Amino acid sequence: MAHTGNQMRLAVLGAGKMGGILIEAFVKQRLVSPQNIFATVQHAGPERKNGSKLPVSLTNNNRAAVKKADVVFLCVKPQTVGQVVDEIRGELTDKKLLISIAASVPAEYIERRLRGKVPVIRAMPNTPSVVGAGITAIAAGKFAGPKEVETARRLFDAVGKTVVVDEKHMDAVTGLSASGPAFIYIILESLAEGGVKVGLSRELATLLAAQMTLGAAKMVIETGHHPALLKDTVTTPAGCTIDGILELEEGGLRVTLIKAVVKAAQRAKELLVTDKSA
């Protein structure tokens, strides 16, 4: 398996939204040469239209793409994972690595359908990967060893940060970091609306809100301090911040965000593949 630099050959099955984001990021970061990426789309639907903008050639032949690749990204919907795995089974060996980003689909389900000792890694990236600020959780399947984990980590490190977790936590990861950007965008939009309400232009309010959120997130990551401690450093006695926090608490923001993550994680469990045939 070619694991170094631009020599790595990738097949991306399902070059839709997230598959396309990963392709663009890998090319932009010069991790993989465009000519070494073999992407597939369905021959109809929005994936074809979106995929036409990608810097790689496209096909609808999954088996041909897998045959030429060292690492295979499975970026299809959970409901179609079984069908695609059955289709490409004959082109996969223990020398190749299959990385699935299909929400809720266990590595064990894919391994059973493959009927061999193909290394499988389950991953859950998020959309900020397109700007190199993603966070991806990866969990190794039964046949994936340290070398395969390191390959997956290196790939996803190119689009942000990577953490290795026990697979039992992947649905929780989906509810928090995969769904979470949408929650943050709503918060950003609301903060900007507040800025407009007190007299700022929408453009300036949005910039202030976005950069402030970026800075706050960097403070948590780079200082290692608990968010509650950092919150206290901003909140001076009898100042304006504490009045704003009181409004947030009265509005139930904290509880609402907790419930949003829990609900999204529960929904991820509901997407779980129930077909036990292999």
C-alpha atoms as a PDB file:
ATOM      1  CA  MET A   1       0.000   0.000   0.000  1.00  0.00           C
ATOM      2  CA  ALA A   2       1.430   3.378  -1.016  1.00  0.00           C
ATOM      3  CA  HIS A   3       1.132   5.503   2.103  1.00  0.00           C
ATOM      4  CA  THR A   4       3.438   8.401   1.412  1.00  0.00           C
ATOM      5  CA  GLY A   5       2.826  11.791  -0.131  1.00  0.00           C
ATOM      6  CA  ASN A   6       1.282  12.149  -3.545  1.00  0.00           C
ATOM      7  CA  GLN A   7       1.899   8.474  -4.351  1.00  0.00           C
ATOM      8  CA  MET A   8      -1.157   7.424  -2.396  1.00  0.00           C
ATOM      9  CA  ARG A   9      -4.038   6.383  -4.653  1.00  0.00           C
ATOM     10  CA  LEU A  10      -7.545   7.108  -3.410  1.00  0.00           C
ATOM     11  CA  ALA A  11     -10.979   5.986  -4.512  1.00  0.00           C
ATOM     12  CA  VAL A  12     -13.804   8.183  -3.251  1.00  0.00           C
ATOM     13  CA  LEU A  13     -17.108   6.396  -3.702  1.00  0.00           C
ATOM     14  CA  GLY A  14     -19.839   8.999  -3.504  1.00  0.00           C
ATOM     15  CA  ALA A  15     -18.305  12.374  -4.369  1.00  0.00           C
ATOM     16  CA  GLY A  16     -21.272  14.280  -2.992  1.00  0.00           C
ATOM     17  CA  LYS A  17     -21.142  16.913  -0.268  1.00  0.00           C
ATOM     18  CA  MET A  18     -18.674  15.402   2.200  1.00  0.00           C
ATOM     19  CA  GLY A  19     -16.865  13.289  -0.386  1.00  0.00           C
ATOM     20  CA  GLY A  20     -16.338  16.411  -2.458  1.00  0.00           C
ATOM     21  CA  ILE A  21     -15.129  18.381   0.555  1.00  0.00           C
ATOM     22  CA  LEU A  22     -12.523  15.716   1.303  1.00  0.00           C
ATOM     23  CA  ILE A  23     -11.341  15.555  -2.308  1.00  0.00           C
ATOM     24  CA  GLU A  24     -10.945  19.328  -2.529  1.00  0.00           C
ATOM     25  CA  ALA A  25      -9.117  19.442   0.790  1.00  0.00           C
ATOM     26  CA  PHE A  26      -6.734  16.586  -0.051  1.00  0.00           C
ATOM     27  CA  VAL A  27      -5.854  18.251  -3.341  1.00  0.00           C
ATOM     28  CA  LYS A  28      -5.539  21.718  -1.817  1.00  0.00           C
ATOM     29  CA  GLN A  29      -3.263  20.393   0.933  1.00  0.00           C
ATOM     30  CA  ARG A  30      -1.253  18.502  -1.732  1.00  0.00           C
ATOM     31  CA  LEU A  31      -1.692  15.294   0.188  1.00  0.00           C
ATOM     32  CA  VAL A  32      -2.784  13.382  -2.920  1.00  0.00           C
ATOM     33  CA  SER A  33      -2.271  14.248  -6.563  1.00  0.00           C
ATOM     34  CA  PRO A  34      -5.523  14.828  -8.497  1.00  0.00           C
ATOM     35  CA  GLN A  35      -4.535  12.132 -11.005  1.00  0.00           C
ATOM     36  CA  ASN A  36      -4.345   9.625  -8.139  1.00  0.00           C
ATOM     37  CA  ILE A  37      -7.918  10.246  -6.993  1.00  0.00           C
ATOM     38  CA  PHE A  38     -10.666   8.155  -8.572  1.00  0.00           C
ATOM     39  CA  ALA A  39     -14.084   9.528  -7.665  1.00  0.00           C
ATOM     40  CA  THR A  40     -17.503   8.109  -8.384  1.00  0.00           C
ATOM     41  CA  VAL A  41     -21.014   9.530  -8.413  1.00  0.00           C
ATOM     42  CA  GLN A  42     -24.408   8.191  -9.272  1.00  0.00           C
ATOM     43  CA  HIS A  43     -25.218   8.928 -12.823  1.00  0.00           C
ATOM     44  CA  ALA A  44     -28.130  11.100 -11.914  1.00  0.00           C
ATOM     45  CA  GLY A  45     -28.927  13.470  -9.111  1.00  0.00           C
ATOM     46  CA  PRO A  46     -27.285  16.413  -7.366  1.00  0.00           C
ATOM     47  CA  GLU A  47     -24.006  14.558  -6.792  1.00  0.00           C
ATOM     48  CA  ARG A  48     -23.258  14.651 -10.519  1.00  0.00           C
ATOM     49  CA  LYS A  49     -23.823  18.410 -10.704  1.00  0.00           C
ATOM     50  CA  ASN A  50     -21.699  19.099  -7.613  1.00  0.00           C
ATOM     51  CA  GLY A  51     -19.024  16.637  -8.673  1.00  0.00           C
ATOM     52  CA  SER A  52     -18.517  18.350 -12.016  1.00  0.00           C
ATOM     53  CA  LYS A  53     -16.685  21.133 -10.143  1.00  0.00           C
ATOM     54  CA  LEU A  54     -14.159  18.803  -8.518  1.00  0.00           C
ATOM     55  CA  PRO A  55     -10.502  18.803  -9.660  1.00  0.00           C
ATOM     56  CA  VAL A  56     -10.584  15.089 -10.498  1.00  0.00           C
ATOM     57  CA  SER A  57     -12.191  12.886 -13.117  1.00  0.00           C
ATOM     58  CA  LEU A  58     -15.501  11.239 -12.284  1.00  0.00           C
ATOM     59  CA  THR A  59     -17.028   7.895 -13.125  1.00  0.00           C
ATOM     60  CA  ASN A  60     -20.000   5.817 -12.044  1.00  0.00           C
ATOM     61  CA  ASN A  61     -17.970   2.597 -11.977  1.00  0.00           C
ATOM     62  CA  ASN A  62     -17.244   1.855  -8.314  1.00  0.00           C
ATOM     63  CA  ARG A  63     -15.373  -1.385  -8.979  1.00  0.00           C
ATOM     64  CA  ALA A  64     -12.992   0.216 -11.460  1.00  0.00           C
ATOM     65  CA  ALA A  65     -12.207   3.027  -9.016  1.00  0.00           C
ATOM     66  CA  VAL A  66     -11.544   0.612  -6.151  1.00  0.00           C
ATOM     67  CA  LYS A  67      -9.358  -1.607  -8.307  1.00  0.00           C
ATOM     68  CA  LYS A  68      -6.917   1.273  -8.928  1.00  0.00           C
ATOM     69  CA  ALA A  69      -6.803   2.514  -5.327  1.00  0.00           C
ATOM     70  CA  ASP A  70      -4.818   1.808  -2.165  1.00  0.00           C
ATOM     71  CA  VAL A  71      -7.293   3.571   0.114  1.00  0.00           C
ATOM     72  CA  VAL A  72     -11.039   3.568  -0.482  1.00  0.00           C
ATOM     73  CA  PHE A  73     -13.346   6.194   0.991  1.00  0.00           C
ATOM     74  CA  LEU A  74     -16.939   5.048   1.330  1.00  0.00           C
ATOM     75  CA  CYS A  75     -18.955   8.285   1.311  1.00  0.00           C
ATOM     76  CA  VAL A  76     -22.408   6.994   0.424  1.00  0.00           C
ATOM     77  CA  LYS A  77     -25.650   7.188   2.393  1.00  0.00           C
ATOM     78  CA  PRO A  78     -26.070   4.652   5.215  1.00  0.00           C
ATOM     79  CA  GLN A  79     -28.962   2.979   3.418  1.00  0.00           C
ATOM     80  CA  THR A  80     -26.823   2.140   0.394  1.00  0.00           C
ATOM     81  CA  VAL A  81     -23.651   0.986   2.159  1.00  0.00           C
ATOM     82  CA  GLY A  82     -24.551  -2.711   1.918  1.00  0.00           C
ATOM     83  CA  GLN A  83     -25.241  -2.502  -1.810  1.00  0.00           C
ATOM     84  CA  VAL A  84     -21.996  -0.675  -2.560  1.00  0.00           C
ATOM     85  CA  VAL A  85     -19.900  -2.971  -0.357  1.00  0.00           C
ATOM     86  CA  ASP A  86     -21.340  -6.009  -2.121  1.00  0.00           C
ATOM     87  CA  GLU A  87     -20.470  -4.397  -5.456  1.00  0.00           C
ATOM     88  CA  ILE A  88     -16.824  -3.704  -4.640  1.00  0.00           C
ATOM     89  CA  ARG A  89     -16.104  -6.764  -2.479  1.00  0.00           C
ATOM     90  CA  GLY A  90     -14.164  -8.554  -5.195  1.00  0.00           C
ATOM     91  CA  GLU A  91     -11.712  -5.644  -5.605  1.00  0.00           C
ATOM     92  CA  LEU A  92     -10.773  -5.356  -1.934  1.00  0.00           C
ATOM     93  CA  THR A  93      -7.973  -7.259  -0.223  1.00  0.00           C
ATOM     94  CA  ASP A  94      -6.167  -7.124   3.114  1.00  0.00           C
ATOM     95  CA  LYS A  95      -3.606  -4.860   1.405  1.00  0.00           C
ATOM     96  CA  LYS A  96      -6.166  -2.103   0.895  1.00  0.00           C
ATOM     97  CA  LEU A  97      -7.819   0.170   3.445  1.00  0.00           C
ATOM     98  CA  LEU A  98     -11.527   0.987   3.474  1.00  0.00           C
ATOM     99  CA  ILE A  99     -12.545   4.157   5.324  1.00  0.00           C
ATOM    100  CA  SER A 100     -16.287   4.625   5.792  1.00  0.00           C
ATOM    101  CA  ILE A 101     -17.806   7.979   6.703  1.00  0.00           C
ATOM    102  CA  ALA A 102     -21.378   6.654   6.513  1.00  0.00           C
ATOM    103  CA  ALA A 103     -23.169   7.766   9.663  1.00  0.00           C
ATOM    104  CA  SER A 104     -24.326   5.019  12.017  1.00  0.00           C
ATOM    105  CA  VAL A 105     -22.908   2.094  10.034  1.00  0.00           C
ATOM    106  CA  PRO A 106     -20.656  -0.067  12.262  1.00  0.00           C
ATOM    107  CA  ALA A 107     -17.336  -1.325  10.970  1.00  0.00           C
ATOM    108  CA  GLU A 108     -18.472  -4.840  11.871  1.00  0.00           C
ATOM    109  CA  TYR A 109     -21.395  -4.599   9.436  1.00  0.00           C
ATOM    110  CA  ILE A 110     -19.024  -3.736   6.579  1.00  0.00           C
ATOM    111  CA  GLU A 111     -16.530  -6.423   7.610  1.00  0.00           C
ATOM    112  CA  ARG A 112     -19.215  -9.106   7.533  1.00  0.00           C
ATOM    113  CA  ARG A 113     -20.325  -8.138   4.060  1.00  0.00           C
ATOM    114  CA  LEU A 114     -16.750  -8.093   2.787  1.00  0.00           C
ATOM    115  CA  ARG A 115     -16.214 -11.703   3.936  1.00  0.00           C
ATOM    116  CA  GLY A 116     -12.494 -11.201   4.350  1.00  0.00           C
ATOM    117  CA  LYS A 117      -9.856  -9.541   6.480  1.00  0.00           C
ATOM    118  CA  VAL A 118     -10.045  -6.141   4.831  1.00  0.00           C
ATOM    119  CA  PRO A 119      -8.952  -3.329   7.186  1.00  0.00           C
ATOM    120  CA  VAL A 120     -11.937  -1.051   7.869  1.00  0.00           C
ATOM    121  CA  ILE A 121     -11.938   2.269   9.671  1.00  0.00           C
ATOM    122  CA  ARG A 122     -15.098   4.120  10.571  1.00  0.00           C
ATOM    123  CA  ALA A 123     -14.742   7.902  10.476  1.00  0.00           C
ATOM    124  CA  MET A 124     -16.932  10.897  11.176  1.00  0.00           C
ATOM    125  CA  PRO A 125     -15.573  14.169   9.749  1.00  0.00           C
ATOM    126  CA  ASN A 126     -17.438  17.465   9.629  1.00  0.00           C
ATOM    127  CA  THR A 127     -17.950  20.160   7.024  1.00  0.00           C
ATOM    128  CA  PRO A 128     -15.329  22.676   8.300  1.00  0.00           C
ATOM    129  CA  SER A 129     -12.852  20.224   6.773  1.00  0.00           C
ATOM    130  CA  VAL A 130     -13.235  22.241   3.567  1.00  0.00           C
ATOM    131  CA  VAL A 131     -11.274  25.111   5.135  1.00  0.00           C
ATOM    132  CA  GLY A 132      -8.838  22.886   7.003  1.00  0.00           C
ATOM    133  CA  ALA A 133     -10.605  23.389  10.337  1.00  0.00           C
ATOM    134  CA  GLY A 134     -12.467  20.109  10.617  1.00  0.00           C
ATOM    135  CA  ILE A 135     -12.518  17.590  13.421  1.00  0.00           C
ATOM    136  CA  THR A 136     -12.714  13.896  12.578  1.00  0.00           C
ATOM    137  CA  ALA A 137     -13.202  10.971  14.923  1.00  0.00           C
ATOM    138  CA  ILE A 138     -11.900   7.605  13.721  1.00  0.00           C
ATOM    139  CA  ALA A 139     -12.478   4.127  15.106  1.00  0.00           C
ATOM    140  CA  ALA A 140     -10.615   1.036  13.969  1.00  0.00           C
ATOM    141  CA  GLY A 141     -12.401  -2.117  12.877  1.00  0.00           C
ATOM    142  CA  LYS A 142     -11.336  -5.651  13.791  1.00  0.00           C
ATOM    143  CA  PHE A 143      -8.714  -5.975  11.044  1.00  0.00           C
ATOM    144  CA  ALA A 144      -7.333  -2.432  11.124  1.00  0.00           C
ATOM    145  CA  GLY A 145      -3.996  -2.125  12.912  1.00  0.00           C
ATOM    146  CA  PRO A 146      -1.785   0.798  13.940  1.00  0.00           C
ATOM    147  CA  LYS A 147      -0.561   1.322  10.355  1.00  0.00           C
ATOM    148  CA  GLU A 148      -4.096   1.718   9.020  1.00  0.00           C
ATOM    149  CA  VAL A 149      -5.078   4.003  11.898  1.00  0.00           C
ATOM    150  CA  GLU A 150      -2.030   6.159  11.206  1.00  0.00           C
ATOM    151  CA  THR A 151      -2.914   6.349   7.496  1.00  0.00           C
ATOM    152  CA  ALA A 152      -6.453   7.488   8.318  1.00  0.00           C
ATOM    153  CA  ARG A 153      -5.174   9.948  10.890  1.00  0.00           C
ATOM    154  CA  ARG A 154      -2.709  11.465   8.424  1.00  0.00           C
ATOM    155  CA  LEU A 155      -5.408  11.881   5.797  1.00  0.00           C
ATOM    156  CA  PHE A 156      -7.873  13.559   8.116  1.00  0.00           C
ATOM    157  CA  ASP A 157      -5.170  15.635   9.814  1.00  0.00           C
ATOM    158  CA  ALA A 158      -4.810  17.367   6.450  1.00  0.00           C
ATOM    159  CA  VAL A 159      -8.320  18.785   6.874  1.00  0.00           C
ATOM    160  CA  GLY A 160      -8.194  19.645  10.569  1.00  0.00           C
ATOM    161  CA  LYS A 161      -7.766  17.670  13.775  1.00  0.00           C
ATOM    162  CA  THR A 162      -8.247  13.938  14.266  1.00  0.00           C
ATOM    163  CA  VAL A 163      -9.126  11.953  17.367  1.00  0.00           C
ATOM    164  CA  VAL A 164      -9.190   8.178  17.807  1.00  0.00           C
ATOM    165  CA  VAL A 165     -12.200   6.941  19.769  1.00  0.00           C
ATOM    166  CA  ASP A 166     -13.883   3.713  20.734  1.00  0.00           C
ATOM    167  CA  GLU A 167     -16.527   2.940  18.129  1.00  0.00           C
ATOM    168  CA  LYS A 168     -19.276   2.939  20.757  1.00  0.00           C
ATOM    169  CA  HIS A 169     -18.895   6.737  20.919  1.00  0.00           C
ATOM    170  CA  MET A 170     -19.357   7.408  17.200  1.00  0.00           C
ATOM    171  CA  ASP A 171     -23.073   8.256  17.392  1.00  0.00           C
ATOM    172  CA  ALA A 172     -22.311  10.778  20.137  1.00  0.00           C
ATOM    173  CA  VAL A 173     -19.559  12.241  17.940  1.00  0.00           C
ATOM    174  CA  THR A 174     -22.078  12.550  15.118  1.00  0.00           C
ATOM    175  CA  GLY A 175     -24.501  14.467  17.327  1.00  0.00           C
ATOM    176  CA  LEU A 176     -21.822  16.832  18.626  1.00  0.00           C
ATOM    177  CA  SER A 177     -19.128  17.590  16.065  1.00  0.00           C
ATOM    178  CA  ALA A 178     -20.823  16.515  12.823  1.00  0.00           C
ATOM    179  CA  SER A 179     -24.181  18.184  13.488  1.00  0.00           C
ATOM    180  CA  GLY A 180     -22.678  20.900  15.682  1.00  0.00           C
ATOM    181  CA  PRO A 181     -21.582  23.321  12.935  1.00  0.00           C
ATOM    182  CA  ALA A 182     -25.252  23.864  12.062  1.00  0.00           C
ATOM    183  CA  PHE A 183     -25.957  24.753  15.691  1.00  0.00           C
ATOM    184  CA  ILE A 184     -23.060  27.203  15.724  1.00  0.00           C
ATOM    185  CA  TYR A 185     -24.239  28.846  12.499  1.00  0.00           C
ATOM    186  CA  ILE A 186     -27.620  29.494  14.130  1.00  0.00           C
ATOM    187  CA  ILE A 187     -25.857  30.996  17.150  1.00  0.00           C
ATOM    188  CA  LEU A 188     -23.676  33.154  14.868  1.00  0.00           C
ATOM    189  CA  GLU A 189     -26.696  34.321  12.907  1.00  0.00           C
ATOM    190  CA  SER A 190     -28.499  35.203  16.130  1.00  0.00           C
ATOM    191  CA  LEU A 191     -25.528  37.124  17.528  1.00  0.00           C
ATOM    192  CA  ALA A 192     -25.249  39.074  14.296  1.00  0.00           C
ATOM    193  CA  GLU A 193     -28.959  39.880  14.442  1.00  0.00           C
ATOM    194  CA  GLY A 194     -28.349  41.225  17.927  1.00  0.00           C
ATOM    195  CA  GLY A 195     -25.611  43.435  16.537  1.00  0.00           C
ATOM    196  CA  VAL A 196     -27.995  44.738  13.880  1.00  0.00           C
ATOM    197  CA  LYS A 197     -30.584  45.407  16.571  1.00  0.00           C
ATOM    198  CA  VAL A 198     -28.163  47.687  18.417  1.00  0.00           C
ATOM    199  CA  GLY A 199     -27.134  49.589  15.293  1.00  0.00           C
ATOM    200  CA  LEU A 200     -24.365  47.693  13.490  1.00  0.00           C
ATOM    201  CA  SER A 201     -24.450  46.925   9.786  1.00  0.00           C
ATOM    202  CA  ARG A 202     -25.233  43.306   9.022  1.00  0.00           C
ATOM    203  CA  GLU A 203     -21.862  42.791   7.353  1.00  0.00           C
ATOM    204  CA  LEU A 204     -19.935  44.175  10.316  1.00  0.00           C
ATOM    205  CA  ALA A 205     -22.092  42.337  12.859  1.00  0.00           C
ATOM    206  CA  THR A 206     -21.552  39.027  11.081  1.00  0.00           C
ATOM    207  CA  LEU A 207     -17.784  39.564  10.901  1.00  0.00           C
ATOM    208  CA  LEU A 208     -17.597  40.495  14.578  1.00  0.00           C
ATOM    209  CA  ALA A 209     -19.663  37.479  15.595  1.00  0.00           C
ATOM    210  CA  ALA A 210     -17.719  35.039  13.424  1.00  0.00           C
ATOM    211  CA  GLN A 211     -14.243  36.251  14.397  1.00  0.00           C
ATOM    212  CA  MET A 212     -15.253  36.381  18.062  1.00  0.00           C
ATOM    213  CA  THR A 213     -16.428  32.755  17.869  1.00  0.00           C
ATOM    214  CA  LEU A 214     -13.204  31.716  16.157  1.00  0.00           C
ATOM    215  CA  GLY A 215     -11.159  33.469  18.826  1.00  0.00           C
ATOM    216  CA  ALA A 216     -13.166  31.965  21.686  1.00  0.00           C
ATOM    217  CA  ALA A 217     -12.739  28.470  20.234  1.00  0.00           C
ATOM    218  CA  LYS A 218      -8.973  29.005  19.875  1.00  0.00           C
ATOM    219  CA  MET A 219      -8.804  30.121  23.498  1.00  0.00           C
ATOM    220  CA  VAL A 220     -10.345  26.841  24.619  1.00  0.00           C
ATOM    221  CA  ILE A 221      -8.068  24.728  22.409  1.00  0.00           C
ATOM    222  CA  GLU A 222      -4.794  26.584  22.894  1.00  0.00           C
ATOM    223  CA  THR A 223      -5.042  27.412  26.602  1.00  0.00           C
ATOM    224  CA  GLY A 224      -6.596  24.110  27.624  1.00  0.00           C
ATOM    225  CA  HIS A 225      -8.749  25.960  30.132  1.00  0.00           C
ATOM    226  CA  HIS A 226     -12.309  24.881  30.863  1.00  0.00           C
ATOM    227  CA  PRO A 227     -14.885  27.059  29.057  1.00  0.00           C
ATOM    228  CA  ALA A 228     -16.421  27.999  32.409  1.00  0.00           C
ATOM    229  CA  LEU A 229     -13.090  29.445  33.581  1.00  0.00           C
ATOM    230  CA  LEU A 230     -12.669  31.427  30.365  1.00  0.00           C
ATOM    231  CA  LYS A 231     -16.244  32.688  30.690  1.00  0.00           C
ATOM    232  CA  ASP A 232     -15.448  33.977  34.178  1.00  0.00           C
ATOM    233  CA  THR A 233     -12.444  35.943  32.874  1.00  0.00           C
ATOM    234  CA  VAL A 234     -14.789  37.932  30.630  1.00  0.00           C
ATOM    235  CA  THR A 235     -17.508  38.392  33.229  1.00  0.00           C
ATOM    236  CA  THR A 236     -16.567  41.313  35.479  1.00  0.00           C
ATOM    237  CA  PRO A 237     -18.605  42.180  38.585  1.00  0.00           C
ATOM    238  CA  ALA A 238     -21.645  44.333  37.788  1.00  0.00           C
ATOM    239  CA  GLY A 239     -20.518  44.530  34.151  1.00  0.00           C
ATOM    240  CA  CYS A 240     -22.483  44.181  30.937  1.00  0.00           C
ATOM    241  CA  THR A 241     -21.518  40.547  30.259  1.00  0.00           C
ATOM    242  CA  ILE A 242     -23.261  39.168  33.325  1.00  0.00           C
ATOM    243  CA  ASP A 243     -26.494  40.836  32.232  1.00  0.00           C
ATOM    244  CA  GLY A 244     -26.184  39.128  28.857  1.00  0.00           C
ATOM    245  CA  ILE A 245     -25.476  35.769  30.508  1.00  0.00           C
ATOM    246  CA  LEU A 246     -28.589  36.190  32.655  1.00  0.00           C
ATOM    247  CA  GLU A 247     -30.657  36.588  29.493  1.00  0.00           C
ATOM    248  CA  LEU A 248     -29.092  33.421  28.023  1.00  0.00           C
ATOM    249  CA  GLU A 249     -29.853  31.437  31.170  1.00  0.00           C
ATOM    250  CA  GLU A 250     -33.422  32.702  31.351  1.00  0.00           C
ATOM    251  CA  GLY A 251     -33.864  31.784  27.685  1.00  0.00           C
ATOM    252  CA  GLY A 252     -32.671  28.240  28.331  1.00  0.00           C
ATOM    253  CA  LEU A 253     -29.796  28.368  25.824  1.00  0.00           C
ATOM    254  CA  ARG A 254     -27.608  25.964  27.795  1.00  0.00           C
ATOM    255  CA  VAL A 255     -30.312  23.304  28.175  1.00  0.00           C
ATOM    256  CA  THR A 256     -31.466  23.756  24.577  1.00  0.00           C
ATOM    257  CA  LEU A 257     -27.966  23.149  23.189  1.00  0.00           C
ATOM    258  CA  ILE A 258     -27.512  20.053  25.366  1.00  0.00           C
ATOM    259  CA  LYS A 259     -30.840  18.705  24.151  1.00  0.00           C
ATOM    260  CA  ALA A 260     -29.909  19.463  20.529  1.00  0.00           C
ATOM    261  CA  VAL A 261     -26.757  17.312  20.775  1.00  0.00           C
ATOM    262  CA  VAL A 262     -28.641  14.500  22.526  1.00  0.00           C
ATOM    263  CA  LYS A 263     -31.412  14.558  19.914  1.00  0.00           C
ATOM    264  CA  ALA A 264     -28.945  14.522  17.009  1.00  0.00           C
ATOM    265  CA  ALA A 265     -27.049  11.615  18.577  1.00  0.00           C
ATOM    266  CA  GLN A 266     -30.281   9.695  19.060  1.00  0.00           C
ATOM    267  CA  ARG A 267     -31.180  10.281  15.433  1.00  0.00           C
ATOM    268  CA  ALA A 268     -27.779   8.915  14.416  1.00  0.00           C
ATOM    269  CA  LYS A 269     -28.621   5.670  16.218  1.00  0.00           C
ATOM    270  CA  GLU A 270     -31.906   5.476  14.318  1.00  0.00           C
ATOM    271  CA  LEU A 271     -30.019   5.482  11.007  1.00  0.00           C
ATOM    272  CA  LEU A 272     -28.263   2.270  12.053  1.00  0.00           C
ATOM    273  CA  VAL A 273     -28.254  -0.409   9.373  1.00  0.00           C
ATOM    274  CA  THR A 274     -30.500  -3.277  10.452  1.00  0.00           C
ATOM    275  CA  ASP A 275     -29.839  -5.640   7.572  1.00  0.00           C
ATOM    276  CA  LYS A 276     -27.883  -8.531   9.119  1.00  0.00           C
ATOM    277  CA  SER A 277     -27.310 -10.486   5.925  1.00  0.00           C
ATOM    278  CA  ALA A 278     -23.756 -10.823   4.671  1.00  0.00           C
END
